[in-house]
N, C-alpha and C. Protein backbone atom coordinates (compact mmCIF):
# COMPACT_ATOMS: atom_id res chain seq x y z
N MET A 1 0.83 -1.38 0.17
CA MET A 1 0.02 0.23 -0.08
C MET A 1 0.94 1.22 0.16
N ALA A 2 0.44 1.82 -1.04
CA ALA A 2 1.45 3.38 -0.93
C ALA A 2 1.05 4.16 -0.28
N ASP A 3 2.17 5.17 0.87
CA ASP A 3 2.36 6.00 1.59
C ASP A 3 1.18 7.35 1.08
N ILE A 4 0.44 7.66 2.43
CA ILE A 4 -0.99 8.46 1.98
C ILE A 4 -0.15 9.55 2.11
N ASP A 5 -0.26 10.78 1.96
CA ASP A 5 -0.14 12.04 2.24
C ASP A 5 -1.00 12.79 2.87
N PRO A 6 -0.89 13.10 4.30
CA PRO A 6 -2.28 14.02 4.86
C PRO A 6 -2.32 15.05 4.14
N ALA A 7 -1.29 15.89 3.39
CA ALA A 7 -1.56 17.02 2.94
C ALA A 7 -2.57 17.07 1.72
N THR A 8 -2.76 16.24 1.12
CA THR A 8 -3.80 16.05 0.16
C THR A 8 -4.43 15.19 0.27
N GLY A 9 -5.01 14.91 1.56
CA GLY A 9 -6.39 14.45 2.02
C GLY A 9 -6.37 13.27 1.62
N GLY A 10 -5.26 12.17 1.51
CA GLY A 10 -5.58 11.28 1.19
C GLY A 10 -5.96 10.79 -0.12
N ARG A 11 -5.51 11.68 -1.49
CA ARG A 11 -6.22 11.40 -2.46
C ARG A 11 -4.86 10.66 -3.73
N THR A 12 -3.75 11.77 -3.20
CA THR A 12 -2.17 11.09 -4.25
C THR A 12 -1.09 11.31 -3.49
N PRO A 13 -0.20 10.35 -3.55
CA PRO A 13 0.69 10.44 -2.42
C PRO A 13 2.02 11.85 -3.65
N ARG A 14 2.56 12.58 -2.44
CA ARG A 14 3.25 13.27 -3.45
C ARG A 14 4.49 12.85 -4.03
N SER A 15 4.91 13.60 -5.49
CA SER A 15 5.89 12.97 -6.39
C SER A 15 7.24 13.72 -5.82
N ASP A 16 8.22 12.59 -6.26
CA ASP A 16 9.45 12.93 -5.88
C ASP A 16 10.24 14.06 -7.18
N ALA A 17 9.45 13.74 -8.04
CA ALA A 17 10.26 14.26 -9.38
C ALA A 17 10.80 15.69 -8.81
N TRP A 18 10.54 16.88 -8.33
CA TRP A 18 11.00 17.99 -7.98
C TRP A 18 12.63 17.62 -7.48
N LYS A 19 12.89 16.67 -6.91
CA LYS A 19 14.27 16.18 -5.98
C LYS A 19 15.80 16.03 -7.23
N THR A 20 14.99 15.93 -8.84
CA THR A 20 15.82 15.88 -9.85
C THR A 20 15.12 16.91 -10.85
N ALA A 21 14.46 17.82 -10.91
CA ALA A 21 13.55 18.28 -12.04
C ALA A 21 14.39 19.51 -12.44
N LEU A 22 15.44 19.94 -11.50
CA LEU A 22 16.18 21.47 -11.76
C LEU A 22 17.30 20.91 -12.64
N THR A 23 17.74 21.92 -13.39
CA THR A 23 19.19 21.70 -14.05
C THR A 23 19.37 23.62 -14.26
N VAL A 24 20.69 23.74 -13.68
CA VAL A 24 21.06 24.77 -13.71
C VAL A 24 21.98 25.17 -15.26
N LEU A 25 21.34 25.85 -16.01
CA LEU A 25 21.71 26.50 -17.02
C LEU A 25 22.63 27.51 -17.32
N GLN A 26 22.78 28.07 -16.15
CA GLN A 26 24.17 29.30 -16.13
C GLN A 26 24.26 30.24 -14.88
N GLU A 27 25.62 30.29 -14.20
CA GLU A 27 25.54 30.94 -12.72
C GLU A 27 26.39 32.50 -13.33
N ALA A 28 26.14 33.38 -13.08
CA ALA A 28 26.85 34.66 -12.91
C ALA A 28 27.16 35.19 -11.71
N GLU A 29 27.94 36.19 -11.60
CA GLU A 29 28.48 37.50 -10.55
C GLU A 29 28.17 38.44 -11.10
N PRO A 30 27.07 39.19 -11.47
CA PRO A 30 26.85 40.26 -12.07
C PRO A 30 27.77 41.00 -11.16
N PRO A 31 28.39 42.53 -12.29
CA PRO A 31 28.97 43.71 -11.21
C PRO A 31 28.23 44.39 -10.43
N PHE A 32 27.05 44.67 -10.67
CA PHE A 32 26.42 45.11 -9.94
C PHE A 32 24.32 45.13 -10.03
N ILE A 33 23.82 45.79 -8.96
CA ILE A 33 22.09 45.21 -9.41
C ILE A 33 21.96 46.68 -8.42
N PRO A 34 21.36 47.41 -9.73
CA PRO A 34 21.04 48.77 -9.42
C PRO A 34 20.10 49.01 -8.37
N GLU A 35 20.34 49.68 -7.50
CA GLU A 35 19.44 49.86 -6.06
C GLU A 35 17.84 50.43 -6.43
N GLY A 36 17.07 49.80 -6.11
CA GLY A 36 15.31 49.98 -6.35
C GLY A 36 14.86 49.32 -7.68
N VAL A 37 16.13 48.34 -8.01
CA VAL A 37 15.68 47.81 -9.57
C VAL A 37 14.46 47.08 -9.70
N HIS A 38 14.01 47.34 -10.91
CA HIS A 38 12.58 47.13 -11.43
C HIS A 38 13.04 45.70 -12.77
N VAL A 39 12.49 44.69 -12.09
CA VAL A 39 12.56 43.48 -12.87
C VAL A 39 11.35 43.16 -14.01
N MET A 40 12.48 42.87 -15.15
CA MET A 40 11.10 42.62 -16.39
C MET A 40 11.48 41.26 -17.08
N THR A 41 10.93 40.33 -17.26
CA THR A 41 10.77 39.70 -18.05
C THR A 41 10.29 39.37 -19.65
N VAL A 42 10.67 39.10 -20.58
CA VAL A 42 10.23 39.61 -21.76
C VAL A 42 10.89 38.56 -22.88
N VAL A 43 9.85 38.11 -24.19
CA VAL A 43 10.05 37.68 -24.79
C VAL A 43 10.29 38.28 -26.21
N VAL A 44 11.14 37.67 -26.76
CA VAL A 44 11.88 38.44 -28.31
C VAL A 44 11.60 37.69 -29.22
N GLU A 45 11.05 37.72 -30.26
CA GLU A 45 10.88 36.65 -31.55
C GLU A 45 11.65 37.80 -32.97
N TYR A 46 12.07 36.83 -33.32
CA TYR A 46 12.97 37.67 -34.85
C TYR A 46 12.50 36.49 -35.60
N PRO A 47 12.14 37.28 -37.11
CA PRO A 47 12.19 36.02 -38.53
C PRO A 47 13.48 35.84 -38.30
N PRO A 48 13.23 35.03 -39.70
CA PRO A 48 14.97 34.30 -40.31
C PRO A 48 15.63 35.52 -40.91
N GLY A 49 17.05 35.25 -40.28
CA GLY A 49 17.81 36.26 -40.30
C GLY A 49 17.81 37.43 -40.35
N ASP A 50 16.94 37.74 -39.58
CA ASP A 50 16.72 39.35 -39.11
C ASP A 50 17.90 39.66 -38.28
N PRO A 51 18.34 41.11 -38.31
CA PRO A 51 19.61 41.33 -37.92
C PRO A 51 19.52 41.65 -36.21
N GLY A 52 18.22 41.70 -35.61
CA GLY A 52 17.79 42.10 -34.46
C GLY A 52 18.12 43.79 -33.66
N THR A 53 18.18 43.76 -32.67
CA THR A 53 18.45 44.77 -32.30
C THR A 53 19.89 45.90 -32.32
N PRO A 54 19.72 47.48 -32.70
CA PRO A 54 20.80 47.86 -33.22
C PRO A 54 21.63 47.89 -31.72
N PRO A 55 23.00 48.04 -32.02
CA PRO A 55 23.79 48.22 -30.72
C PRO A 55 23.20 49.10 -29.52
N HIS A 56 22.90 48.68 -28.64
CA HIS A 56 21.89 49.01 -27.54
C HIS A 56 23.02 49.08 -26.13
N ARG A 57 22.35 49.37 -25.01
CA ARG A 57 22.67 48.89 -23.72
C ARG A 57 21.39 48.75 -22.68
N HIS A 58 21.67 48.31 -21.79
CA HIS A 58 20.66 47.77 -20.47
C HIS A 58 20.98 48.45 -19.48
N SER A 59 20.08 49.43 -18.51
CA SER A 59 20.50 50.30 -17.48
C SER A 59 21.10 49.20 -16.25
N GLY A 60 20.99 47.74 -16.52
CA GLY A 60 21.40 46.68 -15.14
C GLY A 60 21.28 45.55 -15.85
N PRO A 61 21.81 44.17 -15.47
CA PRO A 61 22.01 43.02 -15.81
C PRO A 61 21.07 42.39 -16.35
N ALA A 62 21.20 41.69 -17.44
CA ALA A 62 19.95 40.50 -18.25
C ALA A 62 20.59 39.55 -18.10
N PHE A 63 19.78 38.47 -17.98
CA PHE A 63 19.44 37.02 -18.30
C PHE A 63 18.62 36.31 -19.17
N GLY A 64 18.89 35.65 -19.86
CA GLY A 64 18.26 35.15 -21.01
C GLY A 64 18.48 33.67 -21.47
N PHE A 65 17.47 33.32 -22.04
CA PHE A 65 17.22 31.86 -22.47
C PHE A 65 16.71 31.72 -24.16
N VAL A 66 17.93 31.11 -24.91
CA VAL A 66 17.33 30.67 -26.21
C VAL A 66 16.08 29.65 -26.12
N VAL A 67 14.78 29.85 -26.72
CA VAL A 67 13.90 28.88 -26.59
C VAL A 67 14.00 28.31 -27.68
N GLU A 68 13.88 29.06 -28.97
CA GLU A 68 13.92 28.58 -30.38
C GLU A 68 14.98 28.95 -31.48
N GLY A 69 15.67 28.11 -31.85
CA GLY A 69 16.68 29.04 -33.11
C GLY A 69 18.04 29.37 -32.50
N GLU A 70 18.86 29.76 -33.37
CA GLU A 70 20.53 30.64 -32.93
C GLU A 70 20.28 32.00 -32.68
N MET A 71 21.04 32.23 -31.88
CA MET A 71 20.98 33.91 -31.70
C MET A 71 22.47 34.25 -32.34
N LEU A 72 22.78 35.42 -32.54
CA LEU A 72 24.37 35.88 -32.48
C LEU A 72 24.17 37.06 -31.76
N LEU A 73 24.81 36.58 -30.61
CA LEU A 73 25.07 37.26 -29.40
C LEU A 73 26.71 38.19 -29.66
N GLU A 74 27.27 39.44 -29.51
CA GLU A 74 27.84 39.96 -29.18
C GLU A 74 27.80 41.12 -28.38
N VAL A 75 28.21 41.10 -27.08
CA VAL A 75 28.86 42.25 -25.75
C VAL A 75 29.92 42.99 -25.88
N GLU A 76 30.15 44.35 -25.53
CA GLU A 76 31.42 44.82 -25.90
C GLU A 76 32.17 43.77 -24.64
N GLY A 77 33.58 43.69 -25.65
CA GLY A 77 34.87 42.95 -24.61
C GLY A 77 34.90 41.79 -24.68
N ASP A 78 33.51 40.84 -25.37
CA ASP A 78 33.36 39.68 -25.63
C ASP A 78 33.64 39.34 -27.18
N PRO A 79 33.95 37.87 -27.48
CA PRO A 79 33.74 38.06 -29.38
C PRO A 79 32.60 37.48 -29.42
N GLU A 80 32.08 37.68 -30.78
CA GLU A 80 30.82 37.31 -30.82
C GLU A 80 30.78 35.87 -31.10
N ARG A 81 29.30 35.09 -30.62
CA ARG A 81 29.27 33.62 -30.48
C ARG A 81 27.69 33.44 -30.76
N VAL A 82 27.51 32.36 -31.41
CA VAL A 82 25.93 31.78 -31.44
C VAL A 82 25.57 30.81 -30.43
N VAL A 83 24.12 31.61 -29.88
CA VAL A 83 23.58 30.66 -28.42
C VAL A 83 22.83 30.24 -28.86
N HIS A 84 22.57 28.57 -29.07
CA HIS A 84 21.43 28.02 -29.67
C HIS A 84 20.38 27.49 -28.41
N ALA A 85 19.40 27.37 -29.31
CA ALA A 85 18.14 27.13 -28.20
C ALA A 85 18.45 25.92 -27.09
N GLY A 86 17.74 26.18 -25.97
CA GLY A 86 18.27 25.33 -25.18
C GLY A 86 19.77 25.86 -24.49
N GLU A 87 20.39 26.71 -24.74
CA GLU A 87 21.34 27.20 -24.02
C GLU A 87 20.94 28.89 -23.33
N ALA A 88 21.81 29.53 -22.13
CA ALA A 88 21.41 30.78 -21.82
C ALA A 88 22.64 31.65 -21.59
N PHE A 89 22.57 32.88 -21.62
CA PHE A 89 23.55 33.97 -21.56
C PHE A 89 22.65 34.88 -21.16
N TRP A 90 23.77 35.78 -20.55
CA TRP A 90 23.79 37.08 -19.90
C TRP A 90 24.68 37.99 -20.09
N GLU A 91 24.22 39.55 -19.92
CA GLU A 91 25.11 40.37 -20.14
C GLU A 91 25.12 41.51 -18.82
N PRO A 92 26.16 41.78 -18.61
CA PRO A 92 26.59 42.81 -17.38
C PRO A 92 25.58 44.31 -17.22
N GLY A 93 25.12 44.88 -18.37
CA GLY A 93 24.12 46.06 -18.49
C GLY A 93 25.24 47.03 -17.91
N GLY A 94 25.05 48.28 -17.68
CA GLY A 94 25.53 49.48 -17.43
C GLY A 94 26.04 50.08 -18.64
N ASP A 95 27.29 50.50 -18.53
CA ASP A 95 27.77 51.15 -19.77
C ASP A 95 28.29 50.04 -20.97
N VAL A 96 27.95 49.09 -20.49
CA VAL A 96 28.55 47.82 -21.49
C VAL A 96 27.34 47.97 -22.63
N ILE A 97 27.94 47.89 -24.39
CA ILE A 97 27.78 48.02 -25.10
C ILE A 97 27.14 46.54 -25.65
N HIS A 98 25.81 45.83 -26.18
CA HIS A 98 24.94 45.03 -26.47
C HIS A 98 24.88 45.43 -27.97
N TYR A 99 26.03 44.78 -28.73
CA TYR A 99 25.97 44.96 -30.39
C TYR A 99 25.54 44.15 -31.35
N GLN A 100 24.73 42.93 -30.71
CA GLN A 100 24.09 41.83 -31.64
C GLN A 100 23.61 40.91 -30.71
N ASP A 101 22.26 40.94 -31.09
CA ASP A 101 21.26 39.72 -30.66
C ASP A 101 20.32 39.20 -31.40
N GLY A 102 21.08 39.34 -33.00
CA GLY A 102 19.93 38.74 -33.82
C GLY A 102 19.86 37.38 -34.28
N ASN A 103 19.46 36.85 -35.51
CA ASN A 103 18.77 35.49 -36.01
C ASN A 103 19.96 35.19 -36.62
N ASN A 104 20.72 34.06 -36.21
CA ASN A 104 21.79 33.69 -37.00
C ASN A 104 21.68 32.56 -37.81
N ARG A 105 20.24 32.41 -38.21
CA ARG A 105 19.54 31.28 -39.59
C ARG A 105 18.61 31.98 -40.10
N ASP A 106 18.70 31.85 -41.47
CA ASP A 106 17.93 32.35 -42.25
C ASP A 106 16.56 31.29 -42.65
N ASP A 107 16.75 30.31 -42.09
CA ASP A 107 15.58 29.69 -42.25
C ASP A 107 14.53 28.85 -41.27
N VAL A 108 14.89 29.59 -40.33
CA VAL A 108 14.36 29.07 -39.20
C VAL A 108 14.08 30.96 -38.01
N PRO A 109 12.86 30.82 -37.24
CA PRO A 109 12.80 31.97 -36.41
C PRO A 109 13.93 31.80 -35.02
N LEU A 110 13.85 32.95 -34.61
CA LEU A 110 14.50 33.13 -33.28
C LEU A 110 13.74 33.75 -32.07
N ARG A 111 13.47 32.42 -31.24
CA ARG A 111 13.02 33.16 -30.11
C ARG A 111 13.35 33.38 -28.60
N PHE A 112 13.56 34.05 -28.24
CA PHE A 112 14.15 34.17 -26.56
C PHE A 112 13.59 34.63 -25.76
N THR A 113 13.83 34.34 -24.48
CA THR A 113 13.29 35.32 -23.46
C THR A 113 14.67 35.96 -22.61
N VAL A 114 14.13 36.73 -21.91
CA VAL A 114 15.11 37.81 -20.91
C VAL A 114 14.67 38.41 -19.98
N THR A 115 15.28 38.56 -18.84
CA THR A 115 15.09 38.81 -17.97
C THR A 115 16.04 39.90 -17.45
N MET A 116 15.48 41.28 -17.45
CA MET A 116 16.00 42.37 -17.11
C MET A 116 15.97 43.04 -16.05
N MET A 117 17.22 43.51 -15.32
CA MET A 117 17.20 44.37 -13.94
C MET A 117 16.84 45.80 -14.38
N CYS A 118 16.28 46.62 -14.38
CA CYS A 118 16.50 47.83 -15.04
C CYS A 118 16.24 49.02 -13.42
N GLU A 119 17.55 50.01 -13.76
CA GLU A 119 17.37 51.12 -13.14
C GLU A 119 15.86 52.05 -12.85
N PRO A 120 15.60 51.94 -11.76
CA PRO A 120 14.16 53.08 -11.33
C PRO A 120 14.14 54.12 -12.58
N GLY A 121 12.87 54.51 -12.84
CA GLY A 121 12.86 55.79 -14.16
C GLY A 121 14.00 55.79 -15.26
N GLN A 122 14.51 54.36 -15.64
CA GLN A 122 15.59 54.34 -16.77
C GLN A 122 14.80 53.57 -17.43
N PRO A 123 14.86 53.72 -19.10
CA PRO A 123 14.28 52.86 -19.82
C PRO A 123 15.17 51.40 -20.17
N MET A 124 14.72 50.67 -20.32
CA MET A 124 15.21 48.87 -20.70
C MET A 124 16.16 48.58 -21.50
N LEU A 125 15.98 49.56 -22.19
CA LEU A 125 16.80 49.88 -23.42
C LEU A 125 16.76 50.79 -23.95
N THR A 126 18.42 51.50 -24.35
CA THR A 126 18.78 52.30 -25.32
C THR A 126 19.65 52.31 -26.26
N LEU A 127 19.60 52.84 -27.09
CA LEU A 127 20.09 52.83 -28.70
C LEU A 127 21.66 53.83 -28.77
N VAL A 128 22.48 52.89 -28.82
CA VAL A 128 23.73 53.61 -28.80
C VAL A 128 24.16 54.52 -30.24
N ALA A 129 24.33 55.63 -30.13
CA ALA A 129 24.44 56.26 -31.16
C ALA A 129 26.10 55.91 -31.92
N ASP A 130 25.63 56.37 -33.28
CA ASP A 130 26.94 56.21 -34.37
C ASP A 130 28.41 56.54 -33.78
N GLU A 131 28.08 57.87 -33.22
CA GLU A 131 29.30 58.29 -33.07
C GLU A 131 30.17 58.11 -31.45
N GLU A 132 29.06 57.31 -30.89
CA GLU A 132 29.96 56.34 -29.46
C GLU A 132 30.71 55.50 -30.16
N LEU A 133 30.11 54.29 -30.79
CA LEU A 133 30.19 53.46 -31.21
C LEU A 133 31.69 53.67 -31.71
N ALA A 134 31.60 55.14 -32.69
CA ALA A 134 33.37 55.46 -33.19
C ALA A 134 34.22 55.63 -32.22
N GLN A 135 33.73 55.90 -31.31
CA GLN A 135 35.18 56.51 -29.74
C GLN A 135 35.37 54.89 -29.53
N ARG A 136 34.32 53.92 -29.29
CA ARG A 136 34.69 52.99 -28.67
C ARG A 136 35.26 51.68 -29.24
N THR A 137 35.79 52.06 -30.50
CA THR A 137 36.10 50.34 -31.47
C THR A 137 37.12 50.02 -30.48
N ASP A 138 37.92 50.24 -29.29
CA ASP A 138 38.81 49.59 -29.04
C ASP A 138 38.53 48.54 -28.07
N ARG A 139 37.13 48.74 -27.79
CA ARG A 139 36.57 47.82 -26.24
C ARG A 139 35.37 46.87 -27.24
N ARG A 140 35.84 46.83 -28.64
CA ARG A 140 34.76 45.90 -29.40
C ARG A 140 36.08 44.87 -29.53
N ALA A 141 35.31 43.45 -29.38
CA ALA A 141 36.79 42.20 -29.39
C ALA A 141 36.77 42.08 -30.91
N PRO A 142 38.02 41.38 -31.41
CA PRO A 142 38.29 40.99 -32.65
C PRO A 142 36.76 40.69 -33.36
N ARG A 143 36.37 40.99 -34.50
CA ARG A 143 35.60 40.10 -35.15
C ARG A 143 36.03 39.43 -36.30
N PRO A 144 35.29 37.80 -36.48
CA PRO A 144 36.08 37.19 -37.40
C PRO A 144 36.02 37.50 -38.90
N SER A 145 37.09 37.12 -39.49
CA SER A 145 37.30 37.63 -40.80
C SER A 145 36.09 36.84 -41.89
C-alpha cells in the first residue's frame, strides 16, 4: 500500500520528481544590481535572418534563454558567439554595449526570453549612437574575418 500524504487529504501521494527536476543553465556574478531595481521578463521573436536590435545597452544586468533557433550574440569586450536553443546567456548591463542579438539562421525564427534588472526611471533599452560606437572601437573584441 502506498504512503498516503496527509497534505493531500488521502487522494494522491506526493511526487519526488522535484528532487531531480532542476537543471542549472548558467551561473553569473553581475558586477552590480541597481538599487530599487525593476525586474521584467520579456519574450523576443525575430523572423529568419533578422539582424535584431541595433547596438544598445541596458541599465542593469540581463539574463536570457534561447527557446527556439540560434542567436548571434555580441557584448562589448567579448567575441561574438552563437547561442543555440536550450542555452542561456547574460550581459552585465550598465555602460557595456550590446552589439548583436540577431537571428543567426535564415531558415528558422529566433525566440528567446530575457529577464532584465532595470534602474528605476530608466528605459530598459537605450540605443547607442554611431558617434559613440566609433569612439569605443577599441573596446570591441576582434571580429571574425
